[in-house]
Every structure is written in structure tokens, then in C-alpha cells.
Amino acid sequence: MEALLWHVIRWARSQGYTVFDFGGAGQPAENYGPWRFKAKFGGELVELGRFVRVHSSMRMKASVIGYPVLQRIF
């Protein structure tokens, strides 16, 4: 995978492109696999923010409370 991405980056550079967007890297405080993989290529980490659309405030509150509880159980 790394070789393929590196080839794409080199090709894009030879075509005059100056920016390659890897897509999201997760939460800045989280150190997980995709973030570590993308960080190996260097570059600038840009935080564009996140948006959450809440359709049901009661369900959102239940999930905010219930998710950590379920994580501890399982």
C-alpha cells in the first residue's frame, strides 16, 4: 500500500500538483493505525473541524451515556 501511495504522490508531483489529500486522520488526540500510516509521509496536518447533526436529542444523550458503559462491559 505504501509503495502504491508513494507512486501516486510522485506522479502527481510530476504533473504539477502541490497538495495531496489523504482524507481524515481521526481525532488529533487519538493515535491509531490510519493516522500513524498517513503521518509517515510528512506534510501538514490540517484540522477542518467536525460537525454532528443530532436528529433526536434523547437518543443522542442515551448514546453519549450508554456507549462508554458498553465499552467497559465488552
PDB file of N, CA and C in Angstrom:
ATOM      1  N   MET A   1       0.818  -1.183   0.000  1.00  0.00           N
ATOM      2  CA  MET A   1       0.000   0.000   0.000  1.00  0.00           C
ATOM      3  C   MET A   1       0.864   1.250   0.000  1.00  0.00           C
ATOM      4  N   GLU A   2       1.921   1.232   0.798  1.00  0.00           N
ATOM      5  CA  GLU A   2       2.799   2.403   0.859  1.00  0.00           C
ATOM      6  C   GLU A   2       3.437   2.680  -0.497  1.00  0.00           C
ATOM      7  N   ALA A   3       3.872   1.631  -1.185  1.00  0.00           N
ATOM      8  CA  ALA A   3       4.515   1.819  -2.488  1.00  0.00           C
ATOM      9  C   ALA A   3       3.533   2.410  -3.498  1.00  0.00           C
ATOM     10  N   LEU A   4       2.294   1.953  -3.467  1.00  0.00           N
ATOM     11  CA  LEU A   4       1.283   2.484  -4.378  1.00  0.00           C
ATOM     12  C   LEU A   4       1.028   3.966  -4.108  1.00  0.00           C
ATOM     13  N   LEU A   5       0.850   4.309  -2.834  1.00  0.00           N
ATOM     14  CA  LEU A   5       0.626   5.713  -2.499  1.00  0.00           C
ATOM     15  C   LEU A   5       1.814   6.581  -2.873  1.00  0.00           C
ATOM     16  N   TRP A   6       3.014   6.078  -2.620  1.00  0.00           N
ATOM     17  CA  TRP A   6       4.207   6.850  -2.957  1.00  0.00           C
ATOM     18  C   TRP A   6       4.287   7.069  -4.468  1.00  0.00           C
ATOM     19  N   HIS A   7       3.930   6.063  -5.248  1.00  0.00           N
ATOM     20  CA  HIS A   7       3.910   6.206  -6.708  1.00  0.00           C
ATOM     21  C   HIS A   7       2.901   7.276  -7.131  1.00  0.00           C
ATOM     22  N   VAL A   8       1.722   7.262  -6.538  1.00  0.00           N
ATOM     23  CA  VAL A   8       0.689   8.261  -6.854  1.00  0.00           C
ATOM     24  C   VAL A   8       1.172   9.660  -6.490  1.00  0.00           C
ATOM     25  N   ILE A   9       1.791   9.804  -5.334  1.00  0.00           N
ATOM     26  CA  ILE A   9       2.300  11.109  -4.913  1.00  0.00           C
ATOM     27  C   ILE A   9       3.382  11.597  -5.876  1.00  0.00           C
ATOM     28  N   ARG A  10       4.296  10.729  -6.248  1.00  0.00           N
ATOM     29  CA  ARG A  10       5.365  11.126  -7.185  1.00  0.00           C
ATOM     30  C   ARG A  10       4.798  11.494  -8.549  1.00  0.00           C
ATOM     31  N   TRP A  11       3.819  10.706  -9.036  1.00  0.00           N
ATOM     32  CA  TRP A  11       3.199  11.016 -10.324  1.00  0.00           C
ATOM     33  C   TRP A  11       2.510  12.376 -10.263  1.00  0.00           C
ATOM     34  N   ALA A  12       1.738  12.610  -9.201  1.00  0.00           N
ATOM     35  CA  ALA A  12       1.018  13.878  -9.064  1.00  0.00           C
ATOM     36  C   ALA A  12       1.993  15.050  -9.019  1.00  0.00           C
ATOM     37  N   ARG A  13       3.095  14.872  -8.326  1.00  0.00           N
ATOM     38  CA  ARG A  13       4.110  15.936  -8.250  1.00  0.00           C
ATOM     39  C   ARG A  13       4.683  16.219  -9.633  1.00  0.00           C
ATOM     40  N   SER A  14       4.925  15.181 -10.419  1.00  0.00           N
ATOM     41  CA  SER A  14       5.476  15.386 -11.765  1.00  0.00           C
ATOM     42  C   SER A  14       4.471  16.068 -12.694  1.00  0.00           C
ATOM     43  N   GLN A  15       3.183  15.983 -12.345  1.00  0.00           N
ATOM     44  CA  GLN A  15       2.138  16.635 -13.139  1.00  0.00           C
ATOM     45  C   GLN A  15       1.847  18.056 -12.658  1.00  0.00           C
ATOM     46  N   GLY A  16       2.570  18.506 -11.635  1.00  0.00           N
ATOM     47  CA  GLY A  16       2.414  19.868 -11.147  1.00  0.00           C
ATOM     48  C   GLY A  16       1.511  20.039  -9.938  1.00  0.00           C
ATOM     49  N   TYR A  17       0.978  18.946  -9.418  1.00  0.00           N
ATOM     50  CA  TYR A  17       0.145  19.050  -8.222  1.00  0.00           C
ATOM     51  C   TYR A  17       1.022  19.363  -7.012  1.00  0.00           C
ATOM     52  N   THR A  18       0.499  20.157  -6.097  1.00  0.00           N
ATOM     53  CA  THR A  18       1.280  20.520  -4.915  1.00  0.00           C
ATOM     54  C   THR A  18       0.632  20.056  -3.615  1.00  0.00           C
ATOM     55  N   VAL A  19      -0.614  19.577  -3.671  1.00  0.00           N
ATOM     56  CA  VAL A  19      -1.316  19.136  -2.464  1.00  0.00           C
ATOM     57  C   VAL A  19      -1.890  17.745  -2.699  1.00  0.00           C
ATOM     58  N   PHE A  20      -1.697  16.866  -1.717  1.00  0.00           N
ATOM     59  CA  PHE A  20      -2.295  15.533  -1.763  1.00  0.00           C
ATOM     60  C   PHE A  20      -3.127  15.373  -0.500  1.00  0.00           C
ATOM     61  N   ASP A  21      -4.409  15.122  -0.658  1.00  0.00           N
ATOM     62  CA  ASP A  21      -5.302  14.994   0.484  1.00  0.00           C
ATOM     63  C   ASP A  21      -5.495  13.521   0.814  1.00  0.00           C
ATOM     64  N   PHE A  22      -4.975  13.109   1.958  1.00  0.00           N
ATOM     65  CA  PHE A  22      -5.122  11.731   2.416  1.00  0.00           C
ATOM     66  C   PHE A  22      -6.514  11.460   2.959  1.00  0.00           C
ATOM     67  N   GLY A  23      -7.283  12.485   3.184  1.00  0.00           N
ATOM     68  CA  GLY A  23      -8.558  12.307   3.867  1.00  0.00           C
ATOM     69  C   GLY A  23      -8.328  12.439   5.356  1.00  0.00           C
ATOM     70  N   GLY A  24      -9.324  12.128   6.134  1.00  0.00           N
ATOM     71  CA  GLY A  24      -9.256  12.315   7.579  1.00  0.00           C
ATOM     72  C   GLY A  24      -8.200  11.479   8.255  1.00  0.00           C
ATOM     73  N   ALA A  25      -7.702  12.010   9.361  1.00  0.00           N
ATOM     74  CA  ALA A  25      -6.717  11.290  10.157  1.00  0.00           C
ATOM     75  C   ALA A  25      -7.245  11.009  11.554  1.00  0.00           C
ATOM     76  N   GLY A  26      -8.531  11.158  11.757  1.00  0.00           N
ATOM     77  CA  GLY A  26      -9.117  10.896  13.063  1.00  0.00           C
ATOM     78  C   GLY A  26      -8.961  12.066  14.002  1.00  0.00           C
ATOM     79  N   GLN A  27      -9.295  11.830  15.240  1.00  0.00           N
ATOM     80  CA  GLN A  27      -9.167  12.857  16.261  1.00  0.00           C
ATOM     81  C   GLN A  27      -7.689  13.125  16.523  1.00  0.00           C
ATOM     82  N   PRO A  28      -7.303  14.396  16.687  1.00  0.00           N
ATOM     83  CA  PRO A  28      -5.878  14.701  16.914  1.00  0.00           C
ATOM     84  C   PRO A  28      -5.292  14.003  18.144  1.00  0.00           C
ATOM     85  N   ALA A  29      -6.084  13.793  19.188  1.00  0.00           N
ATOM     86  CA  ALA A  29      -5.564  13.171  20.409  1.00  0.00           C
ATOM     87  C   ALA A  29      -5.464  11.651  20.286  1.00  0.00           C
ATOM     88  N   GLU A  30      -6.103  11.060  19.278  1.00  0.00           N
ATOM     89  CA  GLU A  30      -6.090   9.608  19.098  1.00  0.00           C
ATOM     90  C   GLU A  30      -4.903   9.184  18.251  1.00  0.00           C
ATOM     91  N   ASN A  31      -4.165   8.213  18.724  1.00  0.00           N
ATOM     92  CA  ASN A  31      -3.023   7.705  17.977  1.00  0.00           C
ATOM     93  C   ASN A  31      -3.380   6.305  17.486  1.00  0.00           C
ATOM     94  N   TYR A  32      -3.983   6.220  16.321  1.00  0.00           N
ATOM     95  CA  TYR A  32      -4.419   4.917  15.812  1.00  0.00           C
ATOM     96  C   TYR A  32      -3.819   4.661  14.433  1.00  0.00           C
ATOM     97  N   GLY A  33      -3.987   3.450  13.916  1.00  0.00           N
ATOM     98  CA  GLY A  33      -3.311   2.979  12.710  1.00  0.00           C
ATOM     99  C   GLY A  33      -3.335   3.898  11.503  1.00  0.00           C
ATOM    100  N   PRO A  34      -4.512   4.300  11.003  1.00  0.00           N
ATOM    101  CA  PRO A  34      -4.529   5.168   9.817  1.00  0.00           C
ATOM    102  C   PRO A  34      -3.781   6.481  10.027  1.00  0.00           C
ATOM    103  N   TRP A  35      -3.864   7.056  11.218  1.00  0.00           N
ATOM    104  CA  TRP A  35      -3.156   8.309  11.489  1.00  0.00           C
ATOM    105  C   TRP A  35      -1.651   8.089  11.415  1.00  0.00           C
ATOM    106  N   ARG A  36      -1.172   7.003  12.040  1.00  0.00           N
ATOM    107  CA  ARG A  36       0.271   6.714  12.018  1.00  0.00           C
ATOM    108  C   ARG A  36       0.751   6.471  10.591  1.00  0.00           C
ATOM    109  N   PHE A  37      -0.047   5.750   9.784  1.00  0.00           N
ATOM    110  CA  PHE A  37       0.323   5.471   8.404  1.00  0.00           C
ATOM    111  C   PHE A  37       0.451   6.767   7.606  1.00  0.00           C
ATOM    112  N   LYS A  38      -0.525   7.643   7.735  1.00  0.00           N
ATOM    113  CA  LYS A  38      -0.520   8.899   6.977  1.00  0.00           C
ATOM    114  C   LYS A  38       0.585   9.837   7.457  1.00  0.00           C
ATOM    115  N   ALA A  39       0.898   9.800   8.757  1.00  0.00           N
ATOM    116  CA  ALA A  39       1.922  10.683   9.312  1.00  0.00           C
ATOM    117  C   ALA A  39       3.311  10.352   8.764  1.00  0.00           C
ATOM    118  N   LYS A  40       3.545   9.091   8.357  1.00  0.00           N
ATOM    119  CA  LYS A  40       4.856   8.701   7.843  1.00  0.00           C
ATOM    120  C   LYS A  40       5.250   9.466   6.586  1.00  0.00           C
ATOM    121  N   PHE A  41       4.264   9.979   5.864  1.00  0.00           N
ATOM    122  CA  PHE A  41       4.549  10.683   4.621  1.00  0.00           C
ATOM    123  C   PHE A  41       4.860  12.158   4.846  1.00  0.00           C
ATOM    124  N   GLY A  42       4.786  12.604   6.089  1.00  0.00           N
ATOM    125  CA  GLY A  42       5.069  14.006   6.394  1.00  0.00           C
ATOM    126  C   GLY A  42       3.898  14.888   6.008  1.00  0.00           C
ATOM    127  N   GLY A  43       4.173  16.125   5.799  1.00  0.00           N
ATOM    128  CA  GLY A  43       3.121  17.049   5.395  1.00  0.00           C
ATOM    129  C   GLY A  43       2.520  17.781   6.570  1.00  0.00           C
ATOM    130  N   GLU A  44       1.499  18.536   6.273  1.00  0.00           N
ATOM    131  CA  GLU A  44       0.864  19.386   7.267  1.00  0.00           C
ATOM    132  C   GLU A  44      -0.481  18.790   7.665  1.00  0.00           C
ATOM    133  N   LEU A  45      -0.704  18.668   8.958  1.00  0.00           N
ATOM    134  CA  LEU A  45      -1.982  18.188   9.470  1.00  0.00           C
ATOM    135  C   LEU A  45      -2.912  19.387   9.604  1.00  0.00           C
ATOM    136  N   VAL A  46      -4.028  19.340   8.917  1.00  0.00           N
ATOM    137  CA  VAL A  46      -4.990  20.435   8.939  1.00  0.00           C
ATOM    138  C   VAL A  46      -6.262  19.943   9.608  1.00  0.00           C
ATOM    139  N   GLU A  47      -6.696  20.640  10.640  1.00  0.00           N
ATOM    140  CA  GLU A  47      -7.930  20.286  11.336  1.00  0.00           C
ATOM    141  C   GLU A  47      -9.045  21.178  10.814  1.00  0.00           C
ATOM    142  N   LEU A  48      -9.956  20.594  10.061  1.00  0.00           N
ATOM    143  CA  LEU A  48     -11.045  21.350   9.472  1.00  0.00           C
ATOM    144  C   LEU A  48     -12.295  21.337  10.339  1.00  0.00           C
ATOM    145  N   GLY A  49     -12.256  20.617  11.433  1.00  0.00           N
ATOM    146  CA  GLY A  49     -13.394  20.558  12.335  1.00  0.00           C
ATOM    147  C   GLY A  49     -14.310  19.398  12.013  1.00  0.00           C
ATOM    148  N   ARG A  50     -15.250  19.190  12.875  1.00  0.00           N
ATOM    149  CA  ARG A  50     -16.213  18.113  12.707  1.00  0.00           C
ATOM    150  C   ARG A  50     -17.598  18.648  13.029  1.00  0.00           C
ATOM    151  N   PHE A  51     -18.566  18.105  12.346  1.00  0.00           N
ATOM    152  CA  PHE A  51     -19.944  18.517  12.574  1.00  0.00           C
ATOM    153  C   PHE A  51     -20.781  17.299  12.919  1.00  0.00           C
ATOM    154  N   VAL A  52     -21.717  17.473  13.824  1.00  0.00           N
ATOM    155  CA  VAL A  52     -22.610  16.392  14.223  1.00  0.00           C
ATOM    156  C   VAL A  52     -24.034  16.909  14.065  1.00  0.00           C
ATOM    157  N   ARG A  53     -24.829  16.181  13.337  1.00  0.00           N
ATOM    158  CA  ARG A  53     -26.243  16.518  13.161  1.00  0.00           C
ATOM    159  C   ARG A  53     -27.035  15.613  14.087  1.00  0.00           C
ATOM    160  N   VAL A  54     -27.721  16.204  15.050  1.00  0.00           N
ATOM    161  CA  VAL A  54     -28.496  15.448  16.023  1.00  0.00           C
ATOM    162  C   VAL A  54     -29.957  15.470  15.593  1.00  0.00           C
ATOM    163  N   HIS A  55     -30.496  14.302  15.280  1.00  0.00           N
ATOM    164  CA  HIS A  55     -31.891  14.193  14.871  1.00  0.00           C
ATOM    165  C   HIS A  55     -32.814  13.939  16.053  1.00  0.00           C
ATOM    166  N   SER A  56     -32.283  13.346  17.095  1.00  0.00           N
ATOM    167  CA  SER A  56     -33.073  13.066  18.294  1.00  0.00           C
ATOM    168  C   SER A  56     -32.188  13.313  19.515  1.00  0.00           C
ATOM    169  N   SER A  57     -32.489  14.375  20.246  1.00  0.00           N
ATOM    170  CA  SER A  57     -31.637  14.728  21.387  1.00  0.00           C
ATOM    171  C   SER A  57     -31.679  13.659  22.479  1.00  0.00           C
ATOM    172  N   MET A  58     -32.828  13.004  22.652  1.00  0.00           N
ATOM    173  CA  MET A  58     -32.902  11.950  23.671  1.00  0.00           C
ATOM    174  C   MET A  58     -32.022  10.762  23.297  1.00  0.00           C
ATOM    175  N   ARG A  59     -32.051  10.361  22.038  1.00  0.00           N
ATOM    176  CA  ARG A  59     -31.197   9.245  21.604  1.00  0.00           C
ATOM    177  C   ARG A  59     -29.725   9.623  21.682  1.00  0.00           C
ATOM    178  N   MET A  60     -29.410  10.863  21.364  1.00  0.00           N
ATOM    179  CA  MET A  60     -28.020  11.315  21.444  1.00  0.00           C
ATOM    180  C   MET A  60     -27.531  11.258  22.885  1.00  0.00           C
ATOM    181  N   LYS A  61     -28.344  11.757  23.818  1.00  0.00           N
ATOM    182  CA  LYS A  61     -27.966  11.710  25.231  1.00  0.00           C
ATOM    183  C   LYS A  61     -27.786  10.271  25.702  1.00  0.00           C
ATOM    184  N   ALA A  62     -28.692   9.388  25.284  1.00  0.00           N
ATOM    185  CA  ALA A  62     -28.595   7.978  25.669  1.00  0.00           C
ATOM    186  C   ALA A  62     -27.321   7.355  25.116  1.00  0.00           C
ATOM    187  N   SER A  63     -26.969   7.696  23.892  1.00  0.00           N
ATOM    188  CA  SER A  63     -25.758   7.109  23.299  1.00  0.00           C
ATOM    189  C   SER A  63     -24.494   7.658  23.946  1.00  0.00           C
ATOM    190  N   VAL A  64     -24.495   8.955  24.292  1.00  0.00           N
ATOM    191  CA  VAL A  64     -23.327   9.551  24.953  1.00  0.00           C
ATOM    192  C   VAL A  64     -23.095   8.901  26.316  1.00  0.00           C
ATOM    193  N   ILE A  65     -24.182   8.575  27.013  1.00  0.00           N
ATOM    194  CA  ILE A  65     -24.067   7.915  28.324  1.00  0.00           C
ATOM    195  C   ILE A  65     -23.822   6.418  28.154  1.00  0.00           C
ATOM    196  N   GLY A  66     -24.552   5.775  27.249  1.00  0.00           N
ATOM    197  CA  GLY A  66     -24.509   4.330  27.112  1.00  0.00           C
ATOM    198  C   GLY A  66     -23.265   3.775  26.441  1.00  0.00           C
ATOM    199  N   TYR A  67     -22.692   4.498  25.486  1.00  0.00           N
ATOM    200  CA  TYR A  67     -21.539   3.970  24.751  1.00  0.00           C
ATOM    201  C   TYR A  67     -20.343   3.677  25.667  1.00  0.00           C
ATOM    202  N   PRO A  68     -19.945   4.619  26.523  1.00  0.00           N
ATOM    203  CA  PRO A  68     -18.820   4.287  27.421  1.00  0.00           C
ATOM    204  C   PRO A  68     -19.118   3.114  28.357  1.00  0.00           C
ATOM    205  N   VAL A  69     -20.377   3.011  28.780  1.00  0.00           N
ATOM    206  CA  VAL A  69     -20.759   1.889  29.652  1.00  0.00           C
ATOM    207  C   VAL A  69     -20.592   0.573  28.906  1.00  0.00           C
ATOM    208  N   LEU A  70     -21.096   0.526  27.666  1.00  0.00           N
ATOM    209  CA  LEU A  70     -20.957  -0.692  26.863  1.00  0.00           C
ATOM    210  C   LEU A  70     -19.497  -1.016  26.554  1.00  0.00           C
ATOM    211  N   GLN A  71     -18.679   0.000  26.352  1.00  0.00           N
ATOM    212  CA  GLN A  71     -17.249  -0.229  26.114  1.00  0.00           C
ATOM    213  C   GLN A  71     -16.595  -0.912  27.313  1.00  0.00           C
ATOM    214  N   ARG A  72     -16.977  -0.489  28.526  1.00  0.00           N
ATOM    215  CA  ARG A  72     -16.406  -1.100  29.727  1.00  0.00           C
ATOM    216  C   ARG A  72     -16.866  -2.540  29.881  1.00  0.00           C
ATOM    217  N   ILE A  73     -18.119  -2.815  29.500  1.00  0.00           N
ATOM    218  CA  ILE A  73     -18.650  -4.164  29.627  1.00  0.00           C
ATOM    219  C   ILE A  73     -18.004  -5.115  28.628  1.00  0.00           C
ATOM    220  N   PHE A  74     -17.905  -4.677  27.383  1.00  0.00           N
ATOM    221  CA  PHE A  74     -17.364  -5.542  26.335  1.00  0.00           C
ATOM    222  C   PHE A  74     -15.920  -5.229  26.078  1.00  0.00           C
TER     223      PHE A  74
END
